[in-house]
Amino acid sequence: YPILLSLLVLGLSGIHQACSRIENPRHNVMLCYTCLLAVFSLAVLWYSSQLSQKRARHYSAVLVYANNAPDLVAASQPNGSFYLCETGLLGYALINNRIFDSSGINSPEVLDIIKAAKVHSPFSWTNWHVDAVRKLQPDWIVALPSMCSIDLIQSLSDLREEFEVWDPSSRPNTDLVILRRRLLSVRS
């Protein structure tokens, strides 16, 4: 972005210099309109590239979930429980399991935990994921690394003792973090 901005400033200053040398005011106006159109075109290109990057991140996350869903279905016990940061595809694939939606939209018990966290600490309630995992005790936690305070969950000693990172060899190399309750690995 800094390079694009510098080029834009250089281009505009060069155009300003060129405009100051043109004696016909009509040509000045046409040159200014052309410059404005060029700046507008660059802004549209930049904005569309940002949208494309957002779409690419969304679709890559969907592919990550799609690639991991069959392994999770095969490894999970019927009536097991999952704490999912994004329910979507995994919630559909794990239909025979109890799904805790981390946003609370589909899980009233999670929504109650979120509300309680807001009441107790209205300015710092980002750790409600930890509260939810401790209270609901899911068998599995599935999240992208940047979501659901997953690094905080992995760093707390009591939860680190209860959960292990699950990474079957058949699973493609992805950014998805899957934690499985240690008792499940003993049963499997």
Protein backbone atom coordinates (compact mmCIF):
# COMPACT_ATOMS: atom_id res chain seq x y z
CA TYR A 1 0.00 0.00 0.00
CA PRO A 2 2.75 2.54 0.76
CA ILE A 3 4.25 1.98 -2.70
CA LEU A 4 0.87 2.44 -4.38
CA LEU A 5 0.25 5.62 -2.38
CA SER A 6 3.71 7.01 -3.25
CA LEU A 7 3.18 6.30 -6.94
CA LEU A 8 -0.20 7.99 -6.76
CA VAL A 9 1.28 11.10 -5.08
CA LEU A 10 4.16 11.21 -7.58
CA GLY A 11 1.74 10.83 -10.46
CA LEU A 12 -0.53 13.57 -9.17
CA SER A 13 2.39 15.96 -8.57
CA GLY A 14 3.65 15.25 -12.09
CA ILE A 15 0.21 15.93 -13.51
CA HIS A 16 0.01 19.14 -11.47
CA GLN A 17 3.33 20.26 -12.97
CA ALA A 18 2.08 19.41 -16.44
CA CYS A 19 -1.17 21.32 -15.83
CA SER A 20 0.70 24.43 -14.73
CA ARG A 21 2.50 24.53 -18.10
CA ILE A 22 -0.63 24.21 -20.23
CA GLU A 23 -1.90 27.58 -21.28
CA ASN A 24 -5.35 26.58 -22.50
CA PRO A 25 -7.74 26.35 -19.48
CA ARG A 26 -9.93 23.84 -21.34
CA HIS A 27 -7.02 21.42 -21.60
CA ASN A 28 -6.35 21.89 -17.86
CA VAL A 29 -9.92 20.91 -17.04
CA MET A 30 -9.77 17.84 -19.30
CA LEU A 31 -6.47 16.78 -17.73
CA CYS A 32 -7.95 17.18 -14.23
CA TYR A 33 -10.97 15.06 -15.18
CA THR A 34 -8.64 12.42 -16.59
CA CYS A 35 -6.63 12.43 -13.35
CA LEU A 36 -9.75 12.11 -11.23
CA LEU A 37 -10.92 9.22 -13.39
CA ALA A 38 -7.53 7.52 -13.01
CA VAL A 39 -7.58 7.96 -9.23
CA PHE A 40 -11.14 6.66 -9.07
CA SER A 41 -10.18 3.64 -11.21
CA LEU A 42 -7.24 2.87 -8.91
CA ALA A 43 -9.52 3.10 -5.88
CA VAL A 44 -12.03 0.72 -7.48
CA LEU A 45 -9.25 -1.74 -8.37
CA TRP A 46 -7.87 -1.62 -4.83
CA TYR A 47 -11.31 -2.13 -3.29
CA SER A 48 -12.13 -5.05 -5.59
CA SER A 49 -8.79 -6.70 -4.75
CA GLN A 50 -9.67 -6.38 -1.04
CA LEU A 51 -13.03 -8.05 -1.67
CA SER A 52 -11.31 -10.82 -3.63
CA GLN A 53 -8.91 -11.44 -0.74
CA LYS A 54 -11.82 -11.64 1.72
CA ARG A 55 -13.64 -14.10 -0.53
CA ALA A 56 -10.48 -16.16 -0.94
CA ARG A 57 -10.03 -16.36 2.85
CA HIS A 58 -13.68 -17.37 3.27
CA TYR A 59 -13.49 -20.09 0.61
CA SER A 60 -10.20 -21.41 1.93
CA ALA A 61 -11.80 -21.74 5.40
CA VAL A 62 -14.74 -23.59 3.86
CA LEU A 63 -12.30 -25.96 2.13
CA VAL A 64 -10.44 -26.53 5.40
CA TYR A 65 -13.70 -27.56 7.06
CA ALA A 66 -14.74 -29.70 4.08
CA ASN A 67 -11.39 -31.51 4.05
CA ASN A 68 -11.59 -32.31 7.76
CA ALA A 69 -15.29 -33.16 8.11
CA PRO A 70 -15.04 -36.83 7.01
CA ASP A 71 -12.19 -37.57 9.46
CA LEU A 72 -14.06 -35.90 12.30
CA VAL A 73 -17.24 -37.82 11.54
CA ALA A 74 -15.30 -41.10 11.45
CA ALA A 75 -13.42 -40.37 14.68
CA SER A 76 -16.35 -39.05 16.72
CA GLN A 77 -18.65 -41.20 18.82
CA PRO A 78 -22.40 -40.82 18.22
CA ASN A 79 -23.85 -38.37 20.74
CA GLY A 80 -20.41 -36.84 21.31
CA SER A 81 -20.13 -33.10 21.77
CA PHE A 82 -18.32 -30.49 19.73
CA TYR A 83 -17.53 -26.86 20.56
CA LEU A 84 -17.36 -25.27 17.10
CA CYS A 85 -16.26 -21.73 16.38
CA GLU A 86 -17.99 -21.81 13.02
CA THR A 87 -20.84 -24.24 12.90
CA GLY A 88 -21.69 -24.26 9.17
CA LEU A 89 -20.43 -27.30 7.27
CA LEU A 90 -19.11 -29.14 10.32
CA GLY A 91 -22.40 -28.73 12.17
CA TYR A 92 -24.16 -30.32 9.23
CA ALA A 93 -21.63 -33.16 8.91
CA LEU A 94 -21.71 -33.92 12.64
CA ILE A 95 -25.49 -34.21 12.76
CA ASN A 96 -25.43 -37.16 15.21
CA ASN A 97 -23.45 -35.17 17.78
CA ARG A 98 -24.23 -32.38 20.23
CA ILE A 99 -23.00 -29.10 18.74
CA PHE A 100 -22.14 -26.10 20.90
CA ASP A 101 -22.06 -23.06 18.66
CA SER A 102 -19.47 -20.67 20.12
CA SER A 103 -21.48 -17.59 19.16
CA GLY A 104 -24.53 -18.80 21.05
CA ILE A 105 -26.82 -18.40 18.04
CA ASN A 106 -27.81 -22.08 18.03
CA SER A 107 -26.79 -22.92 21.59
CA PRO A 108 -28.75 -21.20 24.36
CA GLU A 109 -26.37 -22.55 27.00
CA VAL A 110 -23.46 -20.78 25.30
CA LEU A 111 -25.50 -17.59 25.02
CA ASP A 112 -26.10 -17.72 28.79
CA ILE A 113 -22.34 -18.00 29.37
CA ILE A 114 -21.70 -15.02 27.08
CA LYS A 115 -24.31 -12.93 28.90
CA ALA A 116 -22.85 -13.88 32.29
CA ALA A 117 -19.34 -12.95 31.12
CA LYS A 118 -20.61 -9.55 29.97
CA VAL A 119 -22.28 -8.90 33.34
CA HIS A 120 -19.22 -9.83 35.40
CA SER A 121 -16.71 -8.00 33.24
CA PRO A 122 -18.36 -5.74 30.67
CA PHE A 123 -15.10 -4.37 29.29
CA SER A 124 -13.12 -7.61 29.11
CA TRP A 125 -15.31 -10.55 28.24
CA THR A 126 -13.27 -12.14 25.44
CA ASN A 127 -12.41 -15.20 27.57
CA TRP A 128 -15.95 -16.54 27.60
CA HIS A 129 -14.78 -19.32 25.27
CA VAL A 130 -12.70 -20.67 28.14
CA ASP A 131 -15.73 -20.42 30.46
CA ALA A 132 -17.86 -22.23 27.90
CA VAL A 133 -15.35 -25.06 27.44
CA ARG A 134 -15.00 -25.50 31.21
CA LYS A 135 -18.74 -25.48 31.85
CA LEU A 136 -19.99 -27.45 28.82
CA GLN A 137 -17.08 -29.93 28.74
CA PRO A 138 -17.24 -30.79 25.04
CA ASP A 139 -15.46 -33.87 23.70
CA TRP A 140 -13.94 -31.86 20.84
CA ILE A 141 -13.00 -28.23 20.15
CA VAL A 142 -12.62 -27.22 16.50
CA ALA A 143 -11.42 -23.76 15.45
CA LEU A 144 -9.28 -21.81 13.07
CA PRO A 145 -6.15 -20.63 14.94
CA SER A 146 -7.32 -17.02 15.16
CA MET A 147 -10.74 -17.85 16.56
CA CYS A 148 -12.37 -18.86 19.86
CA SER A 149 -9.34 -17.93 21.97
CA ILE A 150 -7.90 -21.31 20.92
CA ASP A 151 -4.33 -20.38 21.94
CA LEU A 152 -5.61 -19.30 25.36
CA ILE A 153 -7.47 -22.59 25.74
CA GLN A 154 -4.30 -24.50 24.81
CA SER A 155 -2.17 -22.45 27.20
CA LEU A 156 -4.24 -23.00 30.37
CA SER A 157 -2.85 -25.92 32.37
CA ASP A 158 -6.20 -27.46 33.39
CA LEU A 159 -7.47 -27.48 29.79
CA ARG A 160 -4.11 -28.57 28.40
CA GLU A 161 -4.35 -31.63 30.66
CA GLU A 162 -7.89 -32.39 29.49
CA PHE A 163 -7.35 -31.90 25.74
CA GLU A 164 -4.80 -33.01 23.19
CA VAL A 165 -4.23 -31.85 19.64
CA TRP A 166 -5.83 -34.33 17.27
CA ASP A 167 -4.04 -34.76 13.98
CA PRO A 168 -4.64 -38.03 12.14
CA SER A 169 -2.10 -38.82 9.46
CA SER A 170 -4.80 -38.87 6.78
CA ARG A 171 -5.76 -35.26 7.49
CA PRO A 172 -4.34 -32.79 4.99
CA ASN A 173 -2.00 -30.14 6.32
CA THR A 174 -4.39 -27.35 7.30
CA ASP A 175 -4.65 -24.45 9.67
CA LEU A 176 -7.55 -25.99 11.55
CA VAL A 177 -6.93 -26.68 15.24
CA ILE A 178 -8.74 -29.74 16.54
CA LEU A 179 -8.54 -30.57 20.22
CA ARG A 180 -9.86 -33.90 21.53
CA ARG A 181 -10.60 -34.73 25.13
CA ARG A 182 -7.86 -37.10 26.35
CA LEU A 183 -10.40 -39.60 27.72
CA LEU A 184 -11.63 -40.15 24.16
CA SER A 185 -8.17 -41.22 22.99
CA VAL A 186 -8.11 -43.86 25.77
CA ARG A 187 -11.53 -45.17 24.68
CA SER A 188 -10.63 -45.26 20.95
